[in-house]
Amino acid sequence: MSIKEFFKNAFRDMKESTKAQHEVDKANFEAAKAESKAQWEEAKAMRNPEKRKAMMQAERDKQIASAKERTAEAQKRIDNAKK
């Protein structure tokens, strides 16, 4: 491999790497933009008392379901340990 081919390959690899990184950066920017908009919309929704109550109730329901799931898992472990 000659020096000319080496540099040609190296620059081609750098170009491909730059393109791939640009795609990653674009995707990350779009995700950050969407998250920011979601936070804004949630903050806006919190001004409405009915929506705020519904969102808070949904969060509590999710926490209760998670706690029940953990309790069931712990009970399985207890039963397995007693065998």
PDB file of N, CA and C in Angstrom:
ATOM      1  N   MET A   1       0.861  -1.168   0.000  1.00  0.00           N
ATOM      2  CA  MET A   1       0.000   0.000   0.000  1.00  0.00           C
ATOM      3  C   MET A   1       0.908   1.233   0.000  1.00  0.00           C
ATOM      4  N   SER A   2       0.618   2.113  -0.897  1.00  0.00           N
ATOM      5  CA  SER A   2       1.429   3.325  -0.986  1.00  0.00           C
ATOM      6  C   SER A   2       0.918   4.387  -0.017  1.00  0.00           C
ATOM      7  N   ILE A   3       1.718   5.384   0.185  1.00  0.00           N
ATOM      8  CA  ILE A   3       1.352   6.488   1.066  1.00  0.00           C
ATOM      9  C   ILE A   3       0.099   7.176   0.527  1.00  0.00           C
ATOM     10  N   LYS A   4       0.031   7.314  -0.779  1.00  0.00           N
ATOM     11  CA  LYS A   4      -1.112   7.976  -1.403  1.00  0.00           C
ATOM     12  C   LYS A   4      -2.404   7.207  -1.096  1.00  0.00           C
ATOM     13  N   GLU A   5      -2.379   5.895  -1.231  1.00  0.00           N
ATOM     14  CA  GLU A   5      -3.551   5.061  -0.943  1.00  0.00           C
ATOM     15  C   GLU A   5      -3.901   5.105   0.545  1.00  0.00           C
ATOM     16  N   PHE A   6      -2.870   5.106   1.375  1.00  0.00           N
ATOM     17  CA  PHE A   6      -3.097   5.167   2.810  1.00  0.00           C
ATOM     18  C   PHE A   6      -3.889   6.417   3.185  1.00  0.00           C
ATOM     19  N   PHE A   7      -3.416   7.574   2.705  1.00  0.00           N
ATOM     20  CA  PHE A   7      -4.111   8.819   3.024  1.00  0.00           C
ATOM     21  C   PHE A   7      -5.486   8.883   2.375  1.00  0.00           C
ATOM     22  N   LYS A   8      -5.605   8.321   1.176  1.00  0.00           N
ATOM     23  CA  LYS A   8      -6.900   8.290   0.500  1.00  0.00           C
ATOM     24  C   LYS A   8      -7.905   7.499   1.337  1.00  0.00           C
ATOM     25  N   ASN A   9      -7.478   6.332   1.826  1.00  0.00           N
ATOM     26  CA  ASN A   9      -8.343   5.505   2.672  1.00  0.00           C
ATOM     27  C   ASN A   9      -8.638   6.181   4.005  1.00  0.00           C
ATOM     28  N   ALA A  10      -7.628   6.820   4.573  1.00  0.00           N
ATOM     29  CA  ALA A  10      -7.808   7.483   5.865  1.00  0.00           C
ATOM     30  C   ALA A  10      -8.820   8.619   5.754  1.00  0.00           C
ATOM     31  N   PHE A  11      -8.701   9.422   4.704  1.00  0.00           N
ATOM     32  CA  PHE A  11      -9.648  10.529   4.537  1.00  0.00           C
ATOM     33  C   PHE A  11     -11.052  10.028   4.215  1.00  0.00           C
ATOM     34  N   ARG A  12     -11.153   8.938   3.468  1.00  0.00           N
ATOM     35  CA  ARG A  12     -12.474   8.363   3.188  1.00  0.00           C
ATOM     36  C   ARG A  12     -13.115   7.858   4.487  1.00  0.00           C
ATOM     37  N   ASP A  13     -12.315   7.205   5.328  1.00  0.00           N
ATOM     38  CA  ASP A  13     -12.825   6.737   6.621  1.00  0.00           C
ATOM     39  C   ASP A  13     -13.270   7.907   7.503  1.00  0.00           C
ATOM     40  N   MET A  14     -12.479   8.974   7.505  1.00  0.00           N
ATOM     41  CA  MET A  14     -12.854  10.145   8.300  1.00  0.00           C
ATOM     42  C   MET A  14     -14.154  10.761   7.778  1.00  0.00           C
ATOM     43  N   LYS A  15     -14.309  10.782   6.455  1.00  0.00           N
ATOM     44  CA  LYS A  15     -15.523  11.344   5.860  1.00  0.00           C
ATOM     45  C   LYS A  15     -16.745  10.517   6.260  1.00  0.00           C
ATOM     46  N   GLU A  16     -16.616   9.191   6.191  1.00  0.00           N
ATOM     47  CA  GLU A  16     -17.720   8.311   6.584  1.00  0.00           C
ATOM     48  C   GLU A  16     -18.041   8.456   8.070  1.00  0.00           C
ATOM     49  N   SER A  17     -16.999   8.552   8.882  1.00  0.00           N
ATOM     50  CA  SER A  17     -17.192   8.709  10.315  1.00  0.00           C
ATOM     51  C   SER A  17     -17.884  10.034  10.627  1.00  0.00           C
ATOM     52  N   THR A  18     -17.502  11.077   9.919  1.00  0.00           N
ATOM     53  CA  THR A  18     -18.118  12.390  10.117  1.00  0.00           C
ATOM     54  C   THR A  18     -19.591  12.357   9.744  1.00  0.00           C
ATOM     55  N   LYS A  19     -19.916  11.693   8.643  1.00  0.00           N
ATOM     56  CA  LYS A  19     -21.320  11.579   8.226  1.00  0.00           C
ATOM     57  C   LYS A  19     -22.133  10.820   9.274  1.00  0.00           C
ATOM     58  N   ALA A  20     -21.581   9.735   9.771  1.00  0.00           N
ATOM     59  CA  ALA A  20     -22.285   8.938  10.777  1.00  0.00           C
ATOM     60  C   ALA A  20     -22.480   9.741  12.057  1.00  0.00           C
ATOM     61  N   GLN A  21     -21.451  10.479  12.472  1.00  0.00           N
ATOM     62  CA  GLN A  21     -21.566  11.292  13.686  1.00  0.00           C
ATOM     63  C   GLN A  21     -22.596  12.397  13.495  1.00  0.00           C
ATOM     64  N   HIS A  22     -22.660  12.947  12.288  1.00  0.00           N
ATOM     65  CA  HIS A  22     -23.661  13.981  12.004  1.00  0.00           C
ATOM     66  C   HIS A  22     -25.070  13.418  12.157  1.00  0.00           C
ATOM     67  N   GLU A  23     -25.291  12.199  11.691  1.00  0.00           N
ATOM     68  CA  GLU A  23     -26.595  11.563  11.840  1.00  0.00           C
ATOM     69  C   GLU A  23     -26.939  11.370  13.322  1.00  0.00           C
ATOM     70  N   VAL A  24     -25.949  10.971  14.107  1.00  0.00           N
ATOM     71  CA  VAL A  24     -26.162  10.795  15.551  1.00  0.00           C
ATOM     72  C   VAL A  24     -26.505  12.138  16.188  1.00  0.00           C
ATOM     73  N   ASP A  25     -25.759  13.169  15.827  1.00  0.00           N
ATOM     74  CA  ASP A  25     -26.009  14.505  16.375  1.00  0.00           C
ATOM     75  C   ASP A  25     -27.394  15.005  15.996  1.00  0.00           C
ATOM     76  N   LYS A  26     -27.803  14.774  14.746  1.00  0.00           N
ATOM     77  CA  LYS A  26     -29.132  15.192  14.303  1.00  0.00           C
ATOM     78  C   LYS A  26     -30.220  14.481  15.095  1.00  0.00           C
ATOM     79  N   ALA A  27     -30.049  13.178  15.307  1.00  0.00           N
ATOM     80  CA  ALA A  27     -31.037  12.407  16.058  1.00  0.00           C
ATOM     81  C   ALA A  27     -31.104  12.884  17.505  1.00  0.00           C
ATOM     82  N   ASN A  28     -29.955  13.139  18.117  1.00  0.00           N
ATOM     83  CA  ASN A  28     -29.926  13.637  19.492  1.00  0.00           C
ATOM     84  C   ASN A  28     -30.575  15.017  19.602  1.00  0.00           C
ATOM     85  N   PHE A  29     -30.339  15.871  18.603  1.00  0.00           N
ATOM     86  CA  PHE A  29     -30.946  17.201  18.611  1.00  0.00           C
ATOM     87  C   PHE A  29     -32.459  17.096  18.507  1.00  0.00           C
ATOM     88  N   GLU A  30     -32.948  16.234  17.610  1.00  0.00           N
ATOM     89  CA  GLU A  30     -34.395  16.051  17.458  1.00  0.00           C
ATOM     90  C   GLU A  30     -35.008  15.509  18.752  1.00  0.00           C
ATOM     91  N   ALA A  31     -34.319  14.582  19.408  1.00  0.00           N
ATOM     92  CA  ALA A  31     -34.823  14.032  20.671  1.00  0.00           C
ATOM     93  C   ALA A  31     -34.879  15.113  21.745  1.00  0.00           C
ATOM     94  N   ALA A  32     -33.840  15.931  21.844  1.00  0.00           N
ATOM     95  CA  ALA A  32     -33.818  17.007  22.838  1.00  0.00           C
ATOM     96  C   ALA A  32     -34.923  18.015  22.557  1.00  0.00           C
ATOM     97  N   LYS A  33     -35.146  18.299  21.288  1.00  0.00           N
ATOM     98  CA  LYS A  33     -36.202  19.231  20.907  1.00  0.00           C
ATOM     99  C   LYS A  33     -37.575  18.688  21.283  1.00  0.00           C
ATOM    100  N   ALA A  34     -37.791  17.406  21.013  1.00  0.00           N
ATOM    101  CA  ALA A  34     -39.071  16.776  21.342  1.00  0.00           C
ATOM    102  C   ALA A  34     -39.281  16.724  22.854  1.00  0.00           C
ATOM    103  N   GLU A  35     -38.235  16.403  23.604  1.00  0.00           N
ATOM    104  CA  GLU A  35     -38.342  16.365  25.066  1.00  0.00           C
ATOM    105  C   GLU A  35     -38.668  17.744  25.623  1.00  0.00           C
ATOM    106  N   SER A  36     -38.038  18.768  25.062  1.00  0.00           N
ATOM    107  CA  SER A  36     -38.294  20.133  25.507  1.00  0.00           C
ATOM    108  C   SER A  36     -39.744  20.518  25.239  1.00  0.00           C
ATOM    109  N   LYS A  37     -40.243  20.160  24.071  1.00  0.00           N
ATOM    110  CA  LYS A  37     -41.641  20.462  23.739  1.00  0.00           C
ATOM    111  C   LYS A  37     -42.586  19.698  24.668  1.00  0.00           C
ATOM    112  N   ALA A  38     -42.253  18.450  24.965  1.00  0.00           N
ATOM    113  CA  ALA A  38     -43.090  17.654  25.872  1.00  0.00           C
ATOM    114  C   ALA A  38     -43.126  18.289  27.261  1.00  0.00           C
ATOM    115  N   GLN A  39     -41.978  18.742  27.739  1.00  0.00           N
ATOM    116  CA  GLN A  39     -41.939  19.399  29.048  1.00  0.00           C
ATOM    117  C   GLN A  39     -42.776  20.673  29.034  1.00  0.00           C
ATOM    118  N   TRP A  40     -42.698  21.429  27.944  1.00  0.00           N
ATOM    119  CA  TRP A  40     -43.481  22.655  27.825  1.00  0.00           C
ATOM    120  C   TRP A  40     -44.975  22.342  27.848  1.00  0.00           C
ATOM    121  N   GLU A  41     -45.374  21.334  27.074  1.00  0.00           N
ATOM    122  CA  GLU A  41     -46.787  20.966  27.017  1.00  0.00           C
ATOM    123  C   GLU A  41     -47.279  20.463  28.371  1.00  0.00           C
ATOM    124  N   GLU A  42     -46.441  19.693  29.077  1.00  0.00           N
ATOM    125  CA  GLU A  42     -46.821  19.216  30.407  1.00  0.00           C
ATOM    126  C   GLU A  42     -46.974  20.386  31.377  1.00  0.00           C
ATOM    127  N   ALA A  43     -46.061  21.345  31.301  1.00  0.00           N
ATOM    128  CA  ALA A  43     -46.141  22.509  32.175  1.00  0.00           C
ATOM    129  C   ALA A  43     -47.400  23.317  31.865  1.00  0.00           C
ATOM    130  N   LYS A  44     -47.709  23.429  30.585  1.00  0.00           N
ATOM    131  CA  LYS A  44     -48.910  24.146  30.182  1.00  0.00           C
ATOM    132  C   LYS A  44     -50.155  23.421  30.684  1.00  0.00           C
ATOM    133  N   ALA A  45     -50.134  22.091  30.620  1.00  0.00           N
ATOM    134  CA  ALA A  45     -51.292  21.304  31.054  1.00  0.00           C
ATOM    135  C   ALA A  45     -51.485  21.403  32.568  1.00  0.00           C
ATOM    136  N   MET A  46     -50.431  21.611  33.297  1.00  0.00           N
ATOM    137  CA  MET A  46     -50.529  21.692  34.759  1.00  0.00           C
ATOM    138  C   MET A  46     -51.325  22.925  35.210  1.00  0.00           C
ATOM    139  N   ARG A  47     -51.497  23.895  34.315  1.00  0.00           N
ATOM    140  CA  ARG A  47     -52.297  25.071  34.678  1.00  0.00           C
ATOM    141  C   ARG A  47     -53.772  24.715  34.810  1.00  0.00           C
ATOM    142  N   ASN A  48     -54.203  23.706  34.064  1.00  0.00           N
ATOM    143  CA  ASN A  48     -55.596  23.281  34.107  1.00  0.00           C
ATOM    144  C   ASN A  48     -55.767  22.321  35.286  1.00  0.00           C
ATOM    145  N   PRO A  49     -56.601  22.683  36.280  1.00  0.00           N
ATOM    146  CA  PRO A  49     -56.732  21.835  37.476  1.00  0.00           C
ATOM    147  C   PRO A  49     -57.223  20.420  37.171  1.00  0.00           C
ATOM    148  N   GLU A  50     -58.118  20.272  36.219  1.00  0.00           N
ATOM    149  CA  GLU A  50     -58.631  18.935  35.896  1.00  0.00           C
ATOM    150  C   GLU A  50     -57.544  18.057  35.295  1.00  0.00           C
ATOM    151  N   LYS A  51     -56.779  18.612  34.380  1.00  0.00           N
ATOM    152  CA  LYS A  51     -55.692  17.835  33.771  1.00  0.00           C
ATOM    153  C   LYS A  51     -54.627  17.509  34.809  1.00  0.00           C
ATOM    154  N   ARG A  52     -54.346  18.479  35.688  1.00  0.00           N
ATOM    155  CA  ARG A  52     -53.335  18.247  36.725  1.00  0.00           C
ATOM    156  C   ARG A  52     -53.768  17.112  37.635  1.00  0.00           C
ATOM    157  N   LYS A  53     -55.036  17.110  38.028  1.00  0.00           N
ATOM    158  CA  LYS A  53     -55.539  16.032  38.882  1.00  0.00           C
ATOM    159  C   LYS A  53     -55.431  14.684  38.175  1.00  0.00           C
ATOM    160  N   ALA A  54     -55.810  14.664  36.897  1.00  0.00           N
ATOM    161  CA  ALA A  54     -55.754  13.408  36.132  1.00  0.00           C
ATOM    162  C   ALA A  54     -54.312  12.917  35.993  1.00  0.00           C
ATOM    163  N   MET A  55     -53.380  13.837  35.720  1.00  0.00           N
ATOM    164  CA  MET A  55     -51.975  13.445  35.579  1.00  0.00           C
ATOM    165  C   MET A  55     -51.415  12.939  36.904  1.00  0.00           C
ATOM    166  N   MET A  56     -51.780  13.605  37.980  1.00  0.00           N
ATOM    167  CA  MET A  56     -51.284  13.176  39.290  1.00  0.00           C
ATOM    168  C   MET A  56     -51.872  11.824  39.667  1.00  0.00           C
ATOM    169  N   GLN A  57     -53.147  11.599  39.359  1.00  0.00           N
ATOM    170  CA  GLN A  57     -53.779  10.314  39.651  1.00  0.00           C
ATOM    171  C   GLN A  57     -53.142   9.203  38.828  1.00  0.00           C
ATOM    172  N   ALA A  58     -52.850   9.495  37.564  1.00  0.00           N
ATOM    173  CA  ALA A  58     -52.192   8.496  36.716  1.00  0.00           C
ATOM    174  C   ALA A  58     -50.820   8.135  37.277  1.00  0.00           C
ATOM    175  N   GLU A  59     -50.089   9.129  37.753  1.00  0.00           N
ATOM    176  CA  GLU A  59     -48.774   8.875  38.346  1.00  0.00           C
ATOM    177  C   GLU A  59     -48.903   8.034  39.614  1.00  0.00           C
ATOM    178  N   ARG A  60     -49.891   8.350  40.436  1.00  0.00           N
ATOM    179  CA  ARG A  60     -50.104   7.558  41.664  1.00  0.00           C
ATOM    180  C   ARG A  60     -50.490   6.123  41.321  1.00  0.00           C
ATOM    181  N   ASP A  61     -51.351   5.957  40.312  1.00  0.00           N
ATOM    182  CA  ASP A  61     -51.747   4.609  39.893  1.00  0.00           C
ATOM    183  C   ASP A  61     -50.538   3.811  39.417  1.00  0.00           C
ATOM    184  N   LYS A  62     -49.654   4.472  38.680  1.00  0.00           N
ATOM    185  CA  LYS A  62     -48.449   3.812  38.192  1.00  0.00           C
ATOM    186  C   LYS A  62     -47.555   3.404  39.363  1.00  0.00           C
ATOM    187  N   GLN A  63     -47.429   4.262  40.359  1.00  0.00           N
ATOM    188  CA  GLN A  63     -46.613   3.945  41.529  1.00  0.00           C
ATOM    189  C   GLN A  63     -47.215   2.799  42.331  1.00  0.00           C
ATOM    190  N   ILE A  64     -48.538   2.775  42.452  1.00  0.00           N
ATOM    191  CA  ILE A  64     -49.211   1.691  43.179  1.00  0.00           C
ATOM    192  C   ILE A  64     -48.997   0.368  42.456  1.00  0.00           C
ATOM    193  N   ALA A  65     -49.144   0.389  41.122  1.00  0.00           N
ATOM    194  CA  ALA A  65     -48.933  -0.839  40.344  1.00  0.00           C
ATOM    195  C   ALA A  65     -47.503  -1.333  40.492  1.00  0.00           C
ATOM    196  N   SER A  66     -46.561  -0.417  40.487  1.00  0.00           N
ATOM    197  CA  SER A  66     -45.155  -0.792  40.652  1.00  0.00           C
ATOM    198  C   SER A  66     -44.912  -1.399  42.037  1.00  0.00           C
ATOM    199  N   ALA A  67     -45.514  -0.795  43.056  1.00  0.00           N
ATOM    200  CA  ALA A  67     -45.342  -1.306  44.418  1.00  0.00           C
ATOM    201  C   ALA A  67     -45.946  -2.702  44.554  1.00  0.00           C
ATOM    202  N   LYS A  68     -47.123  -2.913  43.957  1.00  0.00           N
ATOM    203  CA  LYS A  68     -47.759  -4.232  44.020  1.00  0.00           C
ATOM    204  C   LYS A  68     -46.922  -5.269  43.292  1.00  0.00           C
ATOM    205  N   GLU A  69     -46.332  -4.876  42.179  1.00  0.00           N
ATOM    206  CA  GLU A  69     -45.472  -5.787  41.420  1.00  0.00           C
ATOM    207  C   GLU A  69     -44.241  -6.173  42.239  1.00  0.00           C
ATOM    208  N   ARG A  70     -43.635  -5.198  42.903  1.00  0.00           N
ATOM    209  CA  ARG A  70     -42.474  -5.480  43.750  1.00  0.00           C
ATOM    210  C   ARG A  70     -42.851  -6.372  44.915  1.00  0.00           C
ATOM    211  N   THR A  71     -44.037  -6.140  45.484  1.00  0.00           N
ATOM    212  CA  THR A  71     -44.505  -6.965  46.601  1.00  0.00           C
ATOM    213  C   THR A  71     -44.698  -8.404  46.149  1.00  0.00           C
ATOM    214  N   ALA A  72     -45.306  -8.589  44.983  1.00  0.00           N
ATOM    215  CA  ALA A  72     -45.526  -9.940  44.463  1.00  0.00           C
ATOM    216  C   ALA A  72     -44.190 -10.643  44.200  1.00  0.00           C
ATOM    217  N   GLU A  73     -43.243  -9.913  43.656  1.00  0.00           N
ATOM    218  CA  GLU A  73     -41.918 -10.481  43.386  1.00  0.00           C
ATOM    219  C   GLU A  73     -41.232 -10.869  44.695  1.00  0.00           C
ATOM    220  N   ALA A  74     -41.345 -10.024  45.698  1.00  0.00           N
ATOM    221  CA  ALA A  74     -40.741 -10.331  47.001  1.00  0.00           C
ATOM    222  C   ALA A  74     -41.405 -11.560  47.620  1.00  0.00           C
ATOM    223  N   GLN A  75     -42.708 -11.684  47.477  1.00  0.00           N
ATOM    224  CA  GLN A  75     -43.421 -12.843  48.025  1.00  0.00           C
ATOM    225  C   GLN A  75     -42.964 -14.131  47.340  1.00  0.00           C
ATOM    226  N   LYS A  76     -42.736 -14.057  46.019  1.00  0.00           N
ATOM    227  CA  LYS A  76     -42.217 -15.231  45.300  1.00  0.00           C
ATOM    228  C   LYS A  76     -40.848 -15.626  45.847  1.00  0.00           C
ATOM    229  N   ARG A  77     -40.018 -14.632  46.090  1.00  0.00           N
ATOM    230  CA  ARG A  77     -38.693 -14.926  46.627  1.00  0.00           C
ATOM    231  C   ARG A  77     -38.783 -15.545  48.020  1.00  0.00           C
ATOM    232  N   ILE A  78     -39.708 -15.040  48.821  1.00  0.00           N
ATOM    233  CA  ILE A  78     -39.909 -15.593  50.162  1.00  0.00           C
ATOM    234  C   ILE A  78     -40.362 -17.037  50.069  1.00  0.00           C
ATOM    235  N   ASP A  79     -41.342 -17.308  49.185  1.00  0.00           N
ATOM    236  CA  ASP A  79     -41.840 -18.680  49.030  1.00  0.00           C
ATOM    237  C   ASP A  79     -40.745 -19.610  48.534  1.00  0.00           C
ATOM    238  N   ASN A  80     -39.926 -19.154  47.606  1.00  0.00           N
ATOM    239  CA  ASN A  80     -38.821 -19.979  47.088  1.00  0.00           C
ATOM    240  C   ASN A  80     -37.792 -20.250  48.169  1.00  0.00           C
ATOM    241  N   ALA A  81     -37.555 -19.286  49.024  1.00  0.00           N
ATOM    242  CA  ALA A  81     -36.559 -19.451  50.088  1.00  0.00           C
ATOM    243  C   ALA A  81     -37.057 -20.444  51.146  1.00  0.00           C
ATOM    244  N   LYS A  82     -38.343 -20.521  51.353  1.00  0.00           N
ATOM    245  CA  LYS A  82     -38.891 -21.421  52.363  1.00  0.00           C
ATOM    246  C   LYS A  82     -38.923 -22.872  51.897  1.00  0.00           C
ATOM    247  N   LYS A  83     -38.819 -23.117  50.611  1.00  0.00           N
ATOM    248  CA  LYS A  83     -38.892 -24.490  50.090  1.00  0.00           C
ATOM    249  C   LYS A  83     -37.651 -25.269  50.388  1.00  0.00           C
TER     250      LYS A  83
END
